[in-house]
Amino acid sequence: MRVLVCDDEPVILKLIELSLRGTPHDLQTVGGGTEALETMRRWRPDVLVTDVAMPDMDGLDLAARVRADPKLKDLRIVFMTASIHVDTIAERTLSGPTAYLYKPFGPAALRGLLESLDS
């Protein structure tokens, strides 16, 4: 499964890379929403895992752009968030995310979530 991870924190991206090392997932990471859109259009991931709070384009705006793009609209989206206000997050997205990953999370939680999406 192709997984694109978008987060503005390089440390988070590195931890995710380490967490998914040795798994069957084909992983790419990007540091912002604009770069994520460009990568998705070129690379066509199966899943987008994105932070919600980012300065360039937040994850909610990124998800809205994905849902508005006919070629990307069916992409599975996972929001990484430290917020407990998921109802507010869901209201701002068209058809909502596929899943949430609550920060802080461990490698097992990330791998388990991706395995559940792959089955």
PDB file of N, CA and C in Angstrom:
ATOM      1  N   MET A   1       0.848  -1.166   0.000  1.00  0.00           N
ATOM      2  CA  MET A   1       0.000   0.000   0.000  1.00  0.00           C
ATOM      3  C   MET A   1       0.904   1.242   0.000  1.00  0.00           C
ATOM      4  N   ARG A   2       0.536   2.212  -0.805  1.00  0.00           N
ATOM      5  CA  ARG A   2       1.272   3.478  -0.875  1.00  0.00           C
ATOM      6  C   ARG A   2       0.728   4.447   0.168  1.00  0.00           C
ATOM      7  N   VAL A   3       1.625   4.949   1.009  1.00  0.00           N
ATOM      8  CA  VAL A   3       1.233   5.831   2.099  1.00  0.00           C
ATOM      9  C   VAL A   3       2.003   7.138   1.975  1.00  0.00           C
ATOM     10  N   LEU A   4       1.284   8.244   1.933  1.00  0.00           N
ATOM     11  CA  LEU A   4       1.887   9.570   1.939  1.00  0.00           C
ATOM     12  C   LEU A   4       1.617  10.189   3.297  1.00  0.00           C
ATOM     13  N   VAL A   5       2.688  10.630   3.963  1.00  0.00           N
ATOM     14  CA  VAL A   5       2.555  11.251   5.280  1.00  0.00           C
ATOM     15  C   VAL A   5       2.941  12.717   5.149  1.00  0.00           C
ATOM     16  N   CYS A   6       2.085  13.585   5.672  1.00  0.00           N
ATOM     17  CA  CYS A   6       2.298  15.033   5.605  1.00  0.00           C
ATOM     18  C   CYS A   6       2.310  15.599   7.019  1.00  0.00           C
ATOM     19  N   ASP A   7       3.446  16.196   7.398  1.00  0.00           N
ATOM     20  CA  ASP A   7       3.574  16.840   8.700  1.00  0.00           C
ATOM     21  C   ASP A   7       4.659  17.892   8.598  1.00  0.00           C
ATOM     22  N   ASP A   8       4.453  19.018   9.251  1.00  0.00           N
ATOM     23  CA  ASP A   8       5.445  20.096   9.197  1.00  0.00           C
ATOM     24  C   ASP A   8       6.591  19.891  10.182  1.00  0.00           C
ATOM     25  N   GLU A   9       6.531  18.867  10.996  1.00  0.00           N
ATOM     26  CA  GLU A   9       7.580  18.567  11.974  1.00  0.00           C
ATOM     27  C   GLU A   9       8.482  17.451  11.449  1.00  0.00           C
ATOM     28  N   PRO A  10       9.718  17.778  11.072  1.00  0.00           N
ATOM     29  CA  PRO A  10      10.643  16.760  10.551  1.00  0.00           C
ATOM     30  C   PRO A  10      10.860  15.585  11.507  1.00  0.00           C
ATOM     31  N   VAL A  11      10.821  15.840  12.811  1.00  0.00           N
ATOM     32  CA  VAL A  11      11.018  14.768  13.789  1.00  0.00           C
ATOM     33  C   VAL A  11       9.881  13.745  13.690  1.00  0.00           C
ATOM     34  N   ILE A  12       8.660  14.228  13.519  1.00  0.00           N
ATOM     35  CA  ILE A  12       7.506  13.319  13.381  1.00  0.00           C
ATOM     36  C   ILE A  12       7.661  12.479  12.113  1.00  0.00           C
ATOM     37  N   LEU A  13       8.045  13.114  11.013  1.00  0.00           N
ATOM     38  CA  LEU A  13       8.224  12.376   9.760  1.00  0.00           C
ATOM     39  C   LEU A  13       9.297  11.297   9.926  1.00  0.00           C
ATOM     40  N   LYS A  14      10.386  11.613  10.598  1.00  0.00           N
ATOM     41  CA  LYS A  14      11.464  10.638  10.801  1.00  0.00           C
ATOM     42  C   LYS A  14      10.980   9.480  11.669  1.00  0.00           C
ATOM     43  N   LEU A  15      10.230   9.789  12.721  1.00  0.00           N
ATOM     44  CA  LEU A  15       9.696   8.727  13.581  1.00  0.00           C
ATOM     45  C   LEU A  15       8.741   7.812  12.809  1.00  0.00           C
ATOM     46  N   ILE A  16       7.943   8.383  11.939  1.00  0.00           N
ATOM     47  CA  ILE A  16       7.027   7.571  11.130  1.00  0.00           C
ATOM     48  C   ILE A  16       7.818   6.704  10.158  1.00  0.00           C
ATOM     49  N   GLU A  17       8.832   7.273   9.540  1.00  0.00           N
ATOM     50  CA  GLU A  17       9.686   6.474   8.647  1.00  0.00           C
ATOM     51  C   GLU A  17      10.276   5.290   9.395  1.00  0.00           C
ATOM     52  N   LEU A  18      10.795   5.522  10.592  1.00  0.00           N
ATOM     53  CA  LEU A  18      11.371   4.442  11.397  1.00  0.00           C
ATOM     54  C   LEU A  18      10.303   3.428  11.804  1.00  0.00           C
ATOM     55  N   SER A  19       9.112   3.912  12.129  1.00  0.00           N
ATOM     56  CA  SER A  19       8.012   3.031  12.540  1.00  0.00           C
ATOM     57  C   SER A  19       7.570   2.090  11.430  1.00  0.00           C
ATOM     58  N   LEU A  20       7.674   2.561  10.181  1.00  0.00           N
ATOM     59  CA  LEU A  20       7.181   1.747   9.052  1.00  0.00           C
ATOM     60  C   LEU A  20       8.296   0.996   8.328  1.00  0.00           C
ATOM     61  N   ARG A  21       9.520   1.161   8.811  1.00  0.00           N
ATOM     62  CA  ARG A  21      10.632   0.416   8.208  1.00  0.00           C
ATOM     63  C   ARG A  21      10.382  -1.077   8.406  1.00  0.00           C
ATOM     64  N   GLY A  22      10.575  -1.836   7.356  1.00  0.00           N
ATOM     65  CA  GLY A  22      10.376  -3.278   7.420  1.00  0.00           C
ATOM     66  C   GLY A  22       8.941  -3.716   7.203  1.00  0.00           C
ATOM     67  N   THR A  23       8.038  -2.776   6.951  1.00  0.00           N
ATOM     68  CA  THR A  23       6.647  -3.126   6.651  1.00  0.00           C
ATOM     69  C   THR A  23       6.480  -3.137   5.125  1.00  0.00           C
ATOM     70  N   PRO A  24       5.400  -3.699   4.635  1.00  0.00           N
ATOM     71  CA  PRO A  24       5.208  -3.744   3.181  1.00  0.00           C
ATOM     72  C   PRO A  24       4.750  -2.422   2.561  1.00  0.00           C
ATOM     73  N   HIS A  25       4.649  -1.372   3.357  1.00  0.00           N
ATOM     74  CA  HIS A  25       4.140  -0.108   2.851  1.00  0.00           C
ATOM     75  C   HIS A  25       5.207   0.662   2.082  1.00  0.00           C
ATOM     76  N   ASP A  26       4.795   1.245   0.977  1.00  0.00           N
ATOM     77  CA  ASP A  26       5.645   2.131   0.185  1.00  0.00           C
ATOM     78  C   ASP A  26       5.360   3.536   0.707  1.00  0.00           C
ATOM     79  N   LEU A  27       6.342   4.159   1.338  1.00  0.00           N
ATOM     80  CA  LEU A  27       6.136   5.400   2.070  1.00  0.00           C
ATOM     81  C   LEU A  27       6.839   6.575   1.417  1.00  0.00           C
ATOM     82  N   GLN A  28       6.136   7.703   1.386  1.00  0.00           N
ATOM     83  CA  GLN A  28       6.742   8.991   1.051  1.00  0.00           C
ATOM     84  C   GLN A  28       6.288   9.981   2.106  1.00  0.00           C
ATOM     85  N   THR A  29       7.173  10.925   2.436  1.00  0.00           N
ATOM     86  CA  THR A  29       6.838  11.952   3.415  1.00  0.00           C
ATOM     87  C   THR A  29       7.044  13.331   2.807  1.00  0.00           C
ATOM     88  N   VAL A  30       6.202  14.263   3.233  1.00  0.00           N
ATOM     89  CA  VAL A  30       6.298  15.657   2.784  1.00  0.00           C
ATOM     90  C   VAL A  30       6.060  16.566   3.976  1.00  0.00           C
ATOM     91  N   GLY A  31       6.542  17.816   3.864  1.00  0.00           N
ATOM     92  CA  GLY A  31       6.486  18.747   4.974  1.00  0.00           C
ATOM     93  C   GLY A  31       5.353  19.747   4.963  1.00  0.00           C
ATOM     94  N   GLY A  32       4.444  19.668   4.001  1.00  0.00           N
ATOM     95  CA  GLY A  32       3.346  20.626   3.962  1.00  0.00           C
ATOM     96  C   GLY A  32       2.270  20.247   2.969  1.00  0.00           C
ATOM     97  N   GLY A  33       1.138  20.936   3.064  1.00  0.00           N
ATOM     98  CA  GLY A  33      -0.023  20.621   2.238  1.00  0.00           C
ATOM     99  C   GLY A  33       0.179  20.829   0.753  1.00  0.00           C
ATOM    100  N   THR A  34       0.860  21.898   0.369  1.00  0.00           N
ATOM    101  CA  THR A  34       1.092  22.168  -1.051  1.00  0.00           C
ATOM    102  C   THR A  34       1.933  21.057  -1.669  1.00  0.00           C
ATOM    103  N   GLU A  35       2.979  20.670  -0.962  1.00  0.00           N
ATOM    104  CA  GLU A  35       3.836  19.582  -1.439  1.00  0.00           C
ATOM    105  C   GLU A  35       3.068  18.262  -1.468  1.00  0.00           C
ATOM    106  N   ALA A  36       2.179  18.065  -0.510  1.00  0.00           N
ATOM    107  CA  ALA A  36       1.367  16.846  -0.477  1.00  0.00           C
ATOM    108  C   ALA A  36       0.481  16.747  -1.714  1.00  0.00           C
ATOM    109  N   LEU A  37      -0.179  17.851  -2.073  1.00  0.00           N
ATOM    110  CA  LEU A  37      -1.034  17.844  -3.268  1.00  0.00           C
ATOM    111  C   LEU A  37      -0.235  17.512  -4.522  1.00  0.00           C
ATOM    112  N   GLU A  38       0.912  18.139  -4.671  1.00  0.00           N
ATOM    113  CA  GLU A  38       1.768  17.867  -5.833  1.00  0.00           C
ATOM    114  C   GLU A  38       2.184  16.403  -5.872  1.00  0.00           C
ATOM    115  N   THR A  39       2.565  15.864  -4.716  1.00  0.00           N
ATOM    116  CA  THR A  39       2.995  14.468  -4.648  1.00  0.00           C
ATOM    117  C   THR A  39       1.840  13.518  -4.940  1.00  0.00           C
ATOM    118  N   MET A  40       0.663  13.802  -4.407  1.00  0.00           N
ATOM    119  CA  MET A  40      -0.499  12.935  -4.645  1.00  0.00           C
ATOM    120  C   MET A  40      -0.867  12.870  -6.113  1.00  0.00           C
ATOM    121  N   ARG A  41      -0.803  13.985  -6.786  1.00  0.00           N
ATOM    122  CA  ARG A  41      -1.177  14.013  -8.209  1.00  0.00           C
ATOM    123  C   ARG A  41      -0.180  13.236  -9.061  1.00  0.00           C
ATOM    124  N   ARG A  42       1.061  13.212  -8.618  1.00  0.00           N
ATOM    125  CA  ARG A  42       2.114  12.526  -9.364  1.00  0.00           C
ATOM    126  C   ARG A  42       2.246  11.055  -8.960  1.00  0.00           C
ATOM    127  N   TRP A  43       2.144  10.767  -7.685  1.00  0.00           N
ATOM    128  CA  TRP A  43       2.481   9.451  -7.140  1.00  0.00           C
ATOM    129  C   TRP A  43       1.275   8.565  -6.860  1.00  0.00           C
ATOM    130  N   ARG A  44       0.116   9.122  -6.641  1.00  0.00           N
ATOM    131  CA  ARG A  44      -1.137   8.402  -6.389  1.00  0.00           C
ATOM    132  C   ARG A  44      -1.058   7.426  -5.202  1.00  0.00           C
ATOM    133  N   PRO A  45      -0.988   7.958  -3.987  1.00  0.00           N
ATOM    134  CA  PRO A  45      -0.975   7.069  -2.813  1.00  0.00           C
ATOM    135  C   PRO A  45      -2.345   6.440  -2.590  1.00  0.00           C
ATOM    136  N   ASP A  46      -2.356   5.391  -1.770  1.00  0.00           N
ATOM    137  CA  ASP A  46      -3.605   4.753  -1.360  1.00  0.00           C
ATOM    138  C   ASP A  46      -4.181   5.423  -0.119  1.00  0.00           C
ATOM    139  N   VAL A  47      -3.272   5.977   0.708  1.00  0.00           N
ATOM    140  CA  VAL A  47      -3.659   6.591   1.971  1.00  0.00           C
ATOM    141  C   VAL A  47      -2.848   7.868   2.169  1.00  0.00           C
ATOM    142  N   LEU A  48      -3.522   8.907   2.649  1.00  0.00           N
ATOM    143  CA  LEU A  48      -2.865  10.134   3.082  1.00  0.00           C
ATOM    144  C   LEU A  48      -2.989  10.195   4.595  1.00  0.00           C
ATOM    145  N   VAL A  49      -1.853  10.281   5.274  1.00  0.00           N
ATOM    146  CA  VAL A  49      -1.826  10.494   6.719  1.00  0.00           C
ATOM    147  C   VAL A  49      -1.325  11.915   6.905  1.00  0.00           C
ATOM    148  N   THR A  50      -2.161  12.792   7.450  1.00  0.00           N
ATOM    149  CA  THR A  50      -1.782  14.196   7.553  1.00  0.00           C
ATOM    150  C   THR A  50      -2.029  14.771   8.935  1.00  0.00           C
ATOM    151  N   ASP A  51      -1.099  15.606   9.340  1.00  0.00           N
ATOM    152  CA  ASP A  51      -1.288  16.374  10.560  1.00  0.00           C
ATOM    153  C   ASP A  51      -2.435  17.352  10.310  1.00  0.00           C
ATOM    154  N   VAL A  52      -3.167  17.679  11.350  1.00  0.00           N
ATOM    155  CA  VAL A  52      -4.251  18.646  11.208  1.00  0.00           C
ATOM    156  C   VAL A  52      -3.702  20.068  11.277  1.00  0.00           C
ATOM    157  N   ALA A  53      -2.830  20.348  12.239  1.00  0.00           N
ATOM    158  CA  ALA A  53      -2.323  21.707  12.457  1.00  0.00           C
ATOM    159  C   ALA A  53      -0.978  21.904  11.766  1.00  0.00           C
ATOM    160  N   MET A  54      -1.004  22.617  10.648  1.00  0.00           N
ATOM    161  CA  MET A  54       0.214  22.934   9.900  1.00  0.00           C
ATOM    162  C   MET A  54       0.106  24.376   9.423  1.00  0.00           C
ATOM    163  N   PRO A  55       1.230  25.076   9.302  1.00  0.00           N
ATOM    164  CA  PRO A  55       1.176  26.492   8.932  1.00  0.00           C
ATOM    165  C   PRO A  55       0.870  26.772   7.462  1.00  0.00           C
ATOM    166  N   ASP A  56       1.436  26.012   6.563  1.00  0.00           N
ATOM    167  CA  ASP A  56       1.309  26.248   5.123  1.00  0.00           C
ATOM    168  C   ASP A  56      -0.146  26.081   4.685  1.00  0.00           C
ATOM    169  N   MET A  57      -0.668  24.922   4.883  1.00  0.00           N
ATOM    170  CA  MET A  57      -2.056  24.577   4.565  1.00  0.00           C
ATOM    171  C   MET A  57      -2.402  23.517   5.595  1.00  0.00           C
ATOM    172  N   ASP A  58      -3.380  23.770   6.437  1.00  0.00           N
ATOM    173  CA  ASP A  58      -3.651  22.774   7.473  1.00  0.00           C
ATOM    174  C   ASP A  58      -4.264  21.515   6.862  1.00  0.00           C
ATOM    175  N   GLY A  59      -4.274  20.464   7.653  1.00  0.00           N
ATOM    176  CA  GLY A  59      -4.759  19.177   7.168  1.00  0.00           C
ATOM    177  C   GLY A  59      -6.212  19.198   6.749  1.00  0.00           C
ATOM    178  N   LEU A  60      -7.002  20.076   7.368  1.00  0.00           N
ATOM    179  CA  LEU A  60      -8.417  20.175   7.005  1.00  0.00           C
ATOM    180  C   LEU A  60      -8.579  20.783   5.617  1.00  0.00           C
ATOM    181  N   ASP A  61      -7.808  21.827   5.338  1.00  0.00           N
ATOM    182  CA  ASP A  61      -7.850  22.420   3.999  1.00  0.00           C
ATOM    183  C   ASP A  61      -7.300  21.450   2.960  1.00  0.00           C
ATOM    184  N   LEU A  62      -6.257  20.728   3.328  1.00  0.00           N
ATOM    185  CA  LEU A  62      -5.692  19.716   2.427  1.00  0.00           C
ATOM    186  C   LEU A  62      -6.744  18.659   2.104  1.00  0.00           C
ATOM    187  N   ALA A  63      -7.435  18.166   3.123  1.00  0.00           N
ATOM    188  CA  ALA A  63      -8.472  17.156   2.905  1.00  0.00           C
ATOM    189  C   ALA A  63      -9.591  17.692   2.022  1.00  0.00           C
ATOM    190  N   ALA A  64      -9.978  18.952   2.215  1.00  0.00           N
ATOM    191  CA  ALA A  64     -11.031  19.545   1.389  1.00  0.00           C
ATOM    192  C   ALA A  64     -10.594  19.604  -0.072  1.00  0.00           C
ATOM    193  N   ARG A  65      -9.344  19.938  -0.309  1.00  0.00           N
ATOM    194  CA  ARG A  65      -8.837  19.985  -1.685  1.00  0.00           C
ATOM    195  C   ARG A  65      -8.767  18.591  -2.293  1.00  0.00           C
ATOM    196  N   VAL A  66      -8.401  17.607  -1.482  1.00  0.00           N
ATOM    197  CA  VAL A  66      -8.377  16.228  -1.974  1.00  0.00           C
ATOM    198  C   VAL A  66      -9.782  15.796  -2.357  1.00  0.00           C
ATOM    199  N   ARG A  67     -10.758  16.049  -1.494  1.00  0.00           N
ATOM    200  CA  ARG A  67     -12.144  15.636  -1.768  1.00  0.00           C
ATOM    201  C   ARG A  67     -12.740  16.377  -2.970  1.00  0.00           C
ATOM    202  N   ALA A  68     -12.251  17.570  -3.258  1.00  0.00           N
ATOM    203  CA  ALA A  68     -12.759  18.350  -4.388  1.00  0.00           C
ATOM    204  C   ALA A  68     -12.107  17.958  -5.715  1.00  0.00           C
ATOM    205  N   ASP A  69     -11.043  17.208  -5.659  1.00  0.00           N
ATOM    206  CA  ASP A  69     -10.326  16.793  -6.871  1.00  0.00           C
ATOM    207  C   ASP A  69     -10.888  15.459  -7.352  1.00  0.00           C
ATOM    208  N   PRO A  70     -11.480  15.408  -8.535  1.00  0.00           N
ATOM    209  CA  PRO A  70     -12.092  14.159  -9.014  1.00  0.00           C
ATOM    210  C   PRO A  70     -11.128  12.978  -9.049  1.00  0.00           C
ATOM    211  N   LYS A  71      -9.845  13.218  -9.257  1.00  0.00           N
ATOM    212  CA  LYS A  71      -8.872  12.120  -9.328  1.00  0.00           C
ATOM    213  C   LYS A  71      -8.420  11.649  -7.951  1.00  0.00           C
ATOM    214  N   LEU A  72      -8.645  12.451  -6.921  1.00  0.00           N
ATOM    215  CA  LEU A  72      -8.173  12.116  -5.574  1.00  0.00           C
ATOM    216  C   LEU A  72      -9.301  11.908  -4.566  1.00  0.00           C
ATOM    217  N   LYS A  73     -10.529  12.207  -4.948  1.00  0.00           N
ATOM    218  CA  LYS A  73     -11.643  12.294  -3.995  1.00  0.00           C
ATOM    219  C   LYS A  73     -11.891  11.029  -3.181  1.00  0.00           C
ATOM    220  N   ASP A  74     -11.490   9.863  -3.684  1.00  0.00           N
ATOM    221  CA  ASP A  74     -11.733   8.615  -2.963  1.00  0.00           C
ATOM    222  C   ASP A  74     -10.547   8.169  -2.118  1.00  0.00           C
ATOM    223  N   LEU A  75      -9.512   8.988  -2.059  1.00  0.00           N
ATOM    224  CA  LEU A  75      -8.323   8.669  -1.271  1.00  0.00           C
ATOM    225  C   LEU A  75      -8.692   8.542   0.200  1.00  0.00           C
ATOM    226  N   ARG A  76      -8.166   7.525   0.860  1.00  0.00           N
ATOM    227  CA  ARG A  76      -8.394   7.377   2.298  1.00  0.00           C
ATOM    228  C   ARG A  76      -7.506   8.385   3.028  1.00  0.00           C
ATOM    229  N   ILE A  77      -8.095   9.083   4.000  1.00  0.00           N
ATOM    230  CA  ILE A  77      -7.390  10.131   4.738  1.00  0.00           C
ATOM    231  C   ILE A  77      -7.407   9.803   6.227  1.00  0.00           C
ATOM    232  N   VAL A  78      -6.225   9.877   6.827  1.00  0.00           N
ATOM    233  CA  VAL A  78      -6.081   9.696   8.266  1.00  0.00           C
ATOM    234  C   VAL A  78      -5.556  11.003   8.835  1.00  0.00           C
ATOM    235  N   PHE A  79      -6.270  11.559   9.808  1.00  0.00           N
ATOM    236  CA  PHE A  79      -5.823  12.779  10.473  1.00  0.00           C
ATOM    237  C   PHE A  79      -5.021  12.421  11.711  1.00  0.00           C
ATOM    238  N   MET A  80      -3.817  12.990  11.809  1.00  0.00           N
ATOM    239  CA  MET A  80      -3.037  12.916  13.043  1.00  0.00           C
ATOM    240  C   MET A  80      -3.361  14.185  13.813  1.00  0.00           C
ATOM    241  N   THR A  81      -3.780  14.037  15.057  1.00  0.00           N
ATOM    242  CA  THR A  81      -4.170  15.210  15.825  1.00  0.00           C
ATOM    243  C   THR A  81      -3.967  14.998  17.313  1.00  0.00           C
ATOM    244  N   ALA A  82      -3.642  16.073  17.988  1.00  0.00           N
ATOM    245  CA  ALA A  82      -3.595  16.070  19.442  1.00  0.00           C
ATOM    246  C   ALA A  82      -4.915  16.593  19.998  1.00  0.00           C
ATOM    247  N   SER A  83      -5.799  17.046  19.131  1.00  0.00           N
ATOM    248  CA  SER A  83      -7.078  17.625  19.538  1.00  0.00           C
ATOM    249  C   SER A  83      -8.080  16.542  19.901  1.00  0.00           C
ATOM    250  N   ILE A  84      -8.878  16.839  20.892  1.00  0.00           N
ATOM    251  CA  ILE A  84      -9.955  15.916  21.247  1.00  0.00           C
ATOM    252  C   ILE A  84     -11.276  16.362  20.612  1.00  0.00           C
ATOM    253  N   HIS A  85     -11.231  17.412  19.832  1.00  0.00           N
ATOM    254  CA  HIS A  85     -12.440  17.970  19.218  1.00  0.00           C
ATOM    255  C   HIS A  85     -12.627  17.424  17.801  1.00  0.00           C
ATOM    256  N   VAL A  86     -12.776  16.119  17.688  1.00  0.00           N
ATOM    257  CA  VAL A  86     -12.897  15.507  16.366  1.00  0.00           C
ATOM    258  C   VAL A  86     -14.198  15.881  15.668  1.00  0.00           C
ATOM    259  N   ASP A  87     -15.228  16.232  16.426  1.00  0.00           N
ATOM    260  CA  ASP A  87     -16.485  16.651  15.789  1.00  0.00           C
ATOM    261  C   ASP A  87     -16.266  17.922  14.979  1.00  0.00           C
ATOM    262  N   THR A  88     -15.523  18.866  15.526  1.00  0.00           N
ATOM    263  CA  THR A  88     -15.204  20.104  14.807  1.00  0.00           C
ATOM    264  C   THR A  88     -14.375  19.806  13.578  1.00  0.00           C
ATOM    265  N   ILE A  89     -13.429  18.910  13.723  1.00  0.00           N
ATOM    266  CA  ILE A  89     -12.583  18.525  12.591  1.00  0.00           C
ATOM    267  C   ILE A  89     -13.437  17.906  11.490  1.00  0.00           C
ATOM    268  N   ALA A  90     -14.304  16.981  11.840  1.00  0.00           N
ATOM    269  CA  ALA A  90     -15.150  16.302  10.852  1.00  0.00           C
ATOM    270  C   ALA A  90     -16.089  17.278  10.145  1.00  0.00           C
ATOM    271  N   GLU A  91     -16.581  18.281  10.859  1.00  0.00           N
ATOM    272  CA  GLU A  91     -17.483  19.259  10.251  1.00  0.00           C
ATOM    273  C   GLU A  91     -16.808  20.078   9.159  1.00  0.00           C
ATOM    274  N   ARG A  92     -15.513  20.285   9.263  1.00  0.00           N
ATOM    275  CA  ARG A  92     -14.793  21.102   8.286  1.00  0.00           C
ATOM    276  C   ARG A  92     -14.331  20.315   7.068  1.00  0.00           C
ATOM    277  N   THR A  93     -14.551  19.030   7.036  1.00  0.00           N
ATOM    278  CA  THR A  93     -14.099  18.239   5.896  1.00  0.00           C
ATOM    279  C   THR A  93     -15.285  17.679   5.130  1.00  0.00           C
ATOM    280  N   LEU A  94     -15.125  17.577   3.834  1.00  0.00           N
ATOM    281  CA  LEU A  94     -16.164  16.975   3.008  1.00  0.00           C
ATOM    282  C   LEU A  94     -16.107  15.475   3.196  1.00  0.00           C
ATOM    283  N   SER A  95     -17.125  14.895   3.695  1.00  0.00           N
ATOM    284  CA  SER A  95     -17.280  13.468   3.961  1.00  0.00           C
ATOM    285  C   SER A  95     -16.312  12.943   5.005  1.00  0.00           C
ATOM    286  N   GLY A  96     -15.611  13.819   5.709  1.00  0.00           N
ATOM    287  CA  GLY A  96     -14.793  13.408   6.841  1.00  0.00           C
ATOM    288  C   GLY A  96     -13.606  12.540   6.486  1.00  0.00           C
ATOM    289  N   PRO A  97     -12.777  12.278   7.481  1.00  0.00           N
ATOM    290  CA  PRO A  97     -11.615  11.425   7.264  1.00  0.00           C
ATOM    291  C   PRO A  97     -12.000   9.954   7.353  1.00  0.00           C
ATOM    292  N   THR A  98     -11.099   9.115   6.933  1.00  0.00           N
ATOM    293  CA  THR A  98     -11.288   7.675   7.080  1.00  0.00           C
ATOM    294  C   THR A  98     -11.058   7.270   8.526  1.00  0.00           C
ATOM    295  N   ALA A  99     -10.047   7.905   9.169  1.00  0.00           N
ATOM    296  CA  ALA A  99      -9.694   7.544  10.545  1.00  0.00           C
ATOM    297  C   ALA A  99      -8.915   8.678  11.201  1.00  0.00           C
ATOM    298  N   TYR A 100      -8.756   8.553  12.515  1.00  0.00           N
ATOM    299  CA  TYR A 100      -7.948   9.491  13.290  1.00  0.00           C
ATOM    300  C   TYR A 100      -6.809   8.726  13.956  1.00  0.00           C
ATOM    301  N   LEU A 101      -5.681   9.390  14.110  1.00  0.00           N
ATOM    302  CA  LEU A 101      -4.552   8.861  14.852  1.00  0.00           C
ATOM    303  C   LEU A 101      -4.206   9.938  15.865  1.00  0.00           C
ATOM    304  N   TYR A 102      -4.423   9.641  17.138  1.00  0.00           N
ATOM    305  CA  TYR A 102      -4.263  10.651  18.174  1.00  0.00           C
ATOM    306  C   TYR A 102      -2.821  10.730  18.655  1.00  0.00           C
ATOM    307  N   LYS A 103      -2.277  11.966  18.641  1.00  0.00           N
ATOM    308  CA  LYS A 103      -0.921  12.204  19.136  1.00  0.00           C
ATOM    309  C   LYS A 103      -0.949  12.318  20.655  1.00  0.00           C
ATOM    310  N   PRO A 104       0.031  11.793  21.327  1.00  0.00           N
ATOM    311  CA  PRO A 104       1.149  11.011  20.792  1.00  0.00           C
ATOM    312  C   PRO A 104       0.703   9.580  20.523  1.00  0.00           C
ATOM    313  N   PHE A 105       1.273   8.985  19.506  1.00  0.00           N
ATOM    314  CA  PHE A 105       0.976   7.596  19.179  1.00  0.00           C
ATOM    315  C   PHE A 105       2.292   6.847  19.025  1.00  0.00           C
ATOM    316  N   GLY A 106       2.223   5.546  19.171  1.00  0.00           N
ATOM    317  CA  GLY A 106       3.411   4.709  19.042  1.00  0.00           C
ATOM    318  C   GLY A 106       3.426   3.995  17.703  1.00  0.00           C
ATOM    319  N   PRO A 107       4.551   3.369  17.389  1.00  0.00           N
ATOM    320  CA  PRO A 107       4.668   2.640  16.124  1.00  0.00           C
ATOM    321  C   PRO A 107       3.594   1.576  15.933  1.00  0.00           C
ATOM    322  N   ALA A 108       3.260   0.868  17.002  1.00  0.00           N
ATOM    323  CA  ALA A 108       2.254  -0.197  16.890  1.00  0.00           C
ATOM    324  C   ALA A 108       0.886   0.364  16.490  1.00  0.00           C
ATOM    325  N   ALA A 109       0.521   1.527  17.024  1.00  0.00           N
ATOM    326  CA  ALA A 109      -0.770   2.139  16.674  1.00  0.00           C
ATOM    327  C   ALA A 109      -0.802   2.517  15.199  1.00  0.00           C
ATOM    328  N   LEU A 110       0.282   3.087  14.704  1.00  0.00           N
ATOM    329  CA  LEU A 110       0.354   3.476  13.294  1.00  0.00           C
ATOM    330  C   LEU A 110       0.300   2.243  12.394  1.00  0.00           C
ATOM    331  N   ARG A 111       1.110   1.251  12.702  1.00  0.00           N
ATOM    332  CA  ARG A 111       1.109   0.027  11.877  1.00  0.00           C
ATOM    333  C   ARG A 111      -0.244  -0.666  11.918  1.00  0.00           C
ATOM    334  N   GLY A 112      -0.847  -0.724  13.094  1.00  0.00           N
ATOM    335  CA  GLY A 112      -2.159  -1.363  13.222  1.00  0.00           C
ATOM    336  C   GLY A 112      -3.229  -0.648  12.415  1.00  0.00           C
ATOM    337  N   LEU A 113      -3.212   0.673  12.451  1.00  0.00           N
ATOM    338  CA  LEU A 113      -4.185   1.446  11.682  1.00  0.00           C
ATOM    339  C   LEU A 113      -4.010   1.200  10.190  1.00  0.00           C
ATOM    340  N   LEU A 114      -2.779   1.235   9.710  1.00  0.00           N
ATOM    341  CA  LEU A 114      -2.532   1.007   8.279  1.00  0.00           C
ATOM    342  C   LEU A 114      -2.909  -0.417   7.882  1.00  0.00           C
ATOM    343  N   GLU A 115      -2.638  -1.388   8.744  1.00  0.00           N
ATOM    344  CA  GLU A 115      -3.039  -2.765   8.440  1.00  0.00           C
ATOM    345  C   GLU A 115      -4.549  -2.882   8.349  1.00  0.00           C
ATOM    346  N   SER A 116      -5.277  -2.176   9.201  1.00  0.00           N
ATOM    347  CA  SER A 116      -6.747  -2.234   9.146  1.00  0.00           C
ATOM    348  C   SER A 116      -7.282  -1.616   7.859  1.00  0.00           C
ATOM    349  N   LEU A 117      -6.593  -0.611   7.344  1.00  0.00           N
ATOM    350  CA  LEU A 117      -7.010   0.023   6.093  1.00  0.00           C
ATOM    351  C   LEU A 117      -6.648  -0.827   4.888  1.00  0.00           C
ATOM    352  N   ASP A 118      -5.647  -1.678   5.037  1.00  0.00           N
ATOM    353  CA  ASP A 118      -5.167  -2.502   3.934  1.00  0.00           C
ATOM    354  C   ASP A 118      -5.990  -3.763   3.754  1.00  0.00           C
ATOM    355  N   SER A 119      -6.814  -4.090   4.741  1.00  0.00           N
ATOM    356  CA  SER A 119      -7.571  -5.350   4.631  1.00  0.00           C
ATOM    357  C   SER A 119      -8.951  -5.156   4.078  1.00  0.00           C
TER     358      SER A 119
END
